[in-house]
Amino acid sequence: MIMQPVASSNLVSVGYDDSVNTLYIQFRNGTYKYYNVPNNVYRGLLNAPSKGRYHDAFIKNRYQYSRA
């Protein structure tokens, strides 16, 4: 899996493992894995004008996660 750098004040890079539907987000304070995330949510994050706002609206508190 390749982590792609993103333009964001809080997110550093994102990656996605299609085989297990796991989204990886590297924040400035660490990396987190989000489980059972559909591919379209990952693509939405990549295409969002504000990655932080997208994360807050569509990922945070919606998917189980752990610190990587």
N, C-alpha and C. Protein backbone atom coordinates (compact mmCIF):
# COMPACT_ATOMS: atom_id res chain seq x y z
N MET A 1 0.83 -1.17 0.00
CA MET A 1 0.00 0.00 0.00
C MET A 1 0.88 1.24 0.00
N ILE A 2 0.50 2.21 -0.80
CA ILE A 2 1.26 3.45 -0.93
C ILE A 2 0.51 4.57 -0.23
N MET A 3 1.20 5.30 0.62
CA MET A 3 0.63 6.47 1.27
C MET A 3 0.84 7.66 0.33
N GLN A 4 -0.23 8.38 0.06
CA GLN A 4 -0.17 9.53 -0.84
C GLN A 4 -0.18 10.81 -0.02
N PRO A 5 0.80 11.66 -0.21
CA PRO A 5 0.78 12.95 0.48
C PRO A 5 -0.43 13.77 0.06
N VAL A 6 -0.99 14.52 1.00
CA VAL A 6 -2.15 15.36 0.71
C VAL A 6 -1.89 16.78 1.20
N ALA A 7 -2.54 17.73 0.55
CA ALA A 7 -2.45 19.13 0.97
C ALA A 7 -3.49 19.37 2.06
N SER A 8 -3.03 19.52 3.28
CA SER A 8 -3.93 19.69 4.42
C SER A 8 -3.15 20.26 5.58
N SER A 9 -3.83 21.00 6.43
CA SER A 9 -3.16 21.55 7.61
C SER A 9 -2.99 20.51 8.70
N ASN A 10 -3.80 19.43 8.68
CA ASN A 10 -3.74 18.43 9.74
C ASN A 10 -3.35 17.04 9.24
N LEU A 11 -3.78 16.67 8.02
CA LEU A 11 -3.46 15.37 7.47
C LEU A 11 -2.16 15.48 6.67
N VAL A 12 -1.34 14.44 6.78
CA VAL A 12 -0.06 14.41 6.07
C VAL A 12 -0.17 13.54 4.82
N SER A 13 -0.73 12.33 4.98
CA SER A 13 -0.87 11.41 3.86
C SER A 13 -1.98 10.42 4.14
N VAL A 14 -2.47 9.78 3.07
CA VAL A 14 -3.53 8.78 3.19
C VAL A 14 -3.20 7.58 2.31
N GLY A 15 -3.69 6.43 2.71
CA GLY A 15 -3.52 5.21 1.94
C GLY A 15 -4.73 4.32 2.14
N TYR A 16 -4.89 3.35 1.26
CA TYR A 16 -6.06 2.48 1.34
C TYR A 16 -5.67 1.08 0.91
N ASP A 17 -6.05 0.10 1.72
CA ASP A 17 -5.81 -1.31 1.40
C ASP A 17 -7.14 -1.92 0.97
N ASP A 18 -7.30 -2.07 -0.35
CA ASP A 18 -8.53 -2.61 -0.93
C ASP A 18 -8.86 -4.02 -0.43
N SER A 19 -7.85 -4.81 -0.16
CA SER A 19 -8.08 -6.22 0.20
C SER A 19 -8.82 -6.36 1.53
N VAL A 20 -8.68 -5.36 2.41
CA VAL A 20 -9.35 -5.43 3.72
C VAL A 20 -10.16 -4.16 4.03
N ASN A 21 -10.33 -3.30 3.02
CA ASN A 21 -11.10 -2.06 3.18
C ASN A 21 -10.64 -1.23 4.38
N THR A 22 -9.34 -1.07 4.49
CA THR A 22 -8.77 -0.30 5.59
C THR A 22 -8.16 0.98 5.07
N LEU A 23 -8.57 2.08 5.67
CA LEU A 23 -8.07 3.41 5.33
C LEU A 23 -7.01 3.81 6.34
N TYR A 24 -5.89 4.26 5.85
CA TYR A 24 -4.80 4.74 6.71
C TYR A 24 -4.71 6.24 6.55
N ILE A 25 -4.70 6.94 7.66
CA ILE A 25 -4.52 8.39 7.62
C ILE A 25 -3.39 8.77 8.55
N GLN A 26 -2.39 9.41 7.98
CA GLN A 26 -1.29 9.93 8.79
C GLN A 26 -1.60 11.39 9.09
N PHE A 27 -1.81 11.66 10.38
CA PHE A 27 -2.01 13.02 10.85
C PHE A 27 -0.66 13.55 11.33
N ARG A 28 -0.62 14.79 11.69
CA ARG A 28 0.62 15.36 12.21
C ARG A 28 1.01 14.73 13.54
N ASN A 29 0.02 14.17 14.26
CA ASN A 29 0.29 13.57 15.57
C ASN A 29 0.32 12.04 15.56
N GLY A 30 0.28 11.42 14.38
CA GLY A 30 0.34 9.96 14.31
C GLY A 30 -0.52 9.41 13.19
N THR A 31 -0.42 8.09 13.00
CA THR A 31 -1.15 7.41 11.93
C THR A 31 -2.25 6.54 12.53
N TYR A 32 -3.40 6.55 11.87
CA TYR A 32 -4.55 5.78 12.33
C TYR A 32 -5.06 4.90 11.19
N LYS A 33 -5.58 3.74 11.58
CA LYS A 33 -6.21 2.81 10.64
C LYS A 33 -7.71 2.83 10.90
N TYR A 34 -8.49 3.00 9.84
CA TYR A 34 -9.95 2.97 9.93
C TYR A 34 -10.43 1.73 9.18
N TYR A 35 -11.26 0.93 9.85
CA TYR A 35 -11.65 -0.38 9.33
C TYR A 35 -13.00 -0.34 8.61
N ASN A 36 -13.14 -1.23 7.61
CA ASN A 36 -14.38 -1.41 6.85
C ASN A 36 -14.86 -0.12 6.20
N VAL A 37 -13.91 0.62 5.66
CA VAL A 37 -14.23 1.87 4.97
C VAL A 37 -14.40 1.57 3.48
N PRO A 38 -15.55 1.92 2.91
CA PRO A 38 -15.75 1.69 1.47
C PRO A 38 -14.75 2.50 0.64
N ASN A 39 -14.40 1.96 -0.51
CA ASN A 39 -13.46 2.62 -1.40
C ASN A 39 -13.92 4.02 -1.81
N ASN A 40 -15.25 4.20 -1.97
CA ASN A 40 -15.74 5.51 -2.38
C ASN A 40 -15.50 6.58 -1.31
N VAL A 41 -15.44 6.19 -0.05
CA VAL A 41 -15.14 7.15 1.02
C VAL A 41 -13.67 7.56 0.93
N TYR A 42 -12.80 6.60 0.66
CA TYR A 42 -11.38 6.90 0.46
C TYR A 42 -11.21 7.86 -0.73
N ARG A 43 -11.87 7.58 -1.84
CA ARG A 43 -11.76 8.43 -3.01
C ARG A 43 -12.33 9.83 -2.74
N GLY A 44 -13.42 9.86 -1.97
CA GLY A 44 -13.99 11.15 -1.59
C GLY A 44 -13.01 11.98 -0.78
N LEU A 45 -12.28 11.32 0.11
CA LEU A 45 -11.27 12.02 0.90
C LEU A 45 -10.18 12.59 0.00
N LEU A 46 -9.71 11.79 -0.93
CA LEU A 46 -8.66 12.26 -1.84
C LEU A 46 -9.13 13.46 -2.67
N ASN A 47 -10.39 13.48 -3.05
CA ASN A 47 -10.91 14.53 -3.92
C ASN A 47 -11.51 15.73 -3.19
N ALA A 48 -11.60 15.63 -1.87
CA ALA A 48 -12.22 16.71 -1.09
C ALA A 48 -11.34 17.96 -1.08
N PRO A 49 -11.95 19.14 -1.23
CA PRO A 49 -11.17 20.37 -1.16
C PRO A 49 -10.55 20.57 0.23
N SER A 50 -11.26 20.13 1.28
CA SER A 50 -10.73 20.19 2.64
C SER A 50 -10.71 18.78 3.21
N LYS A 51 -9.53 18.20 3.31
CA LYS A 51 -9.39 16.83 3.82
C LYS A 51 -9.85 16.73 5.27
N GLY A 52 -9.53 17.73 6.07
CA GLY A 52 -9.93 17.72 7.48
C GLY A 52 -11.43 17.77 7.66
N ARG A 53 -12.09 18.60 6.88
CA ARG A 53 -13.56 18.69 6.97
C ARG A 53 -14.21 17.39 6.50
N TYR A 54 -13.67 16.81 5.44
CA TYR A 54 -14.21 15.54 4.95
C TYR A 54 -14.04 14.46 6.01
N HIS A 55 -12.87 14.40 6.61
CA HIS A 55 -12.62 13.43 7.68
C HIS A 55 -13.62 13.61 8.81
N ASP A 56 -13.84 14.84 9.24
CA ASP A 56 -14.79 15.10 10.32
C ASP A 56 -16.21 14.71 9.95
N ALA A 57 -16.61 14.95 8.71
CA ALA A 57 -17.99 14.71 8.29
C ALA A 57 -18.29 13.26 7.93
N PHE A 58 -17.31 12.56 7.34
CA PHE A 58 -17.61 11.25 6.77
C PHE A 58 -16.82 10.07 7.34
N ILE A 59 -15.81 10.34 8.16
CA ILE A 59 -14.97 9.25 8.65
C ILE A 59 -14.93 9.20 10.18
N LYS A 60 -14.61 10.32 10.79
CA LYS A 60 -14.49 10.40 12.25
C LYS A 60 -15.82 10.01 12.90
N ASN A 61 -15.74 9.17 13.91
CA ASN A 61 -16.89 8.68 14.68
C ASN A 61 -17.85 7.83 13.86
N ARG A 62 -17.44 7.40 12.66
CA ARG A 62 -18.28 6.53 11.83
C ARG A 62 -17.69 5.13 11.65
N TYR A 63 -16.37 5.06 11.75
CA TYR A 63 -15.69 3.78 11.52
C TYR A 63 -14.80 3.47 12.72
N GLN A 64 -14.72 2.18 13.02
CA GLN A 64 -13.82 1.73 14.09
C GLN A 64 -12.38 2.01 13.65
N TYR A 65 -11.54 2.40 14.59
CA TYR A 65 -10.17 2.75 14.22
C TYR A 65 -9.21 2.33 15.33
N SER A 66 -7.95 2.33 14.99
CA SER A 66 -6.88 2.11 15.98
C SER A 66 -5.67 2.91 15.53
N ARG A 67 -4.81 3.17 16.47
CA ARG A 67 -3.57 3.87 16.12
C ARG A 67 -2.63 2.85 15.48
N ALA A 68 -2.04 3.22 14.38
CA ALA A 68 -1.17 2.29 13.64
C ALA A 68 0.22 2.28 14.24
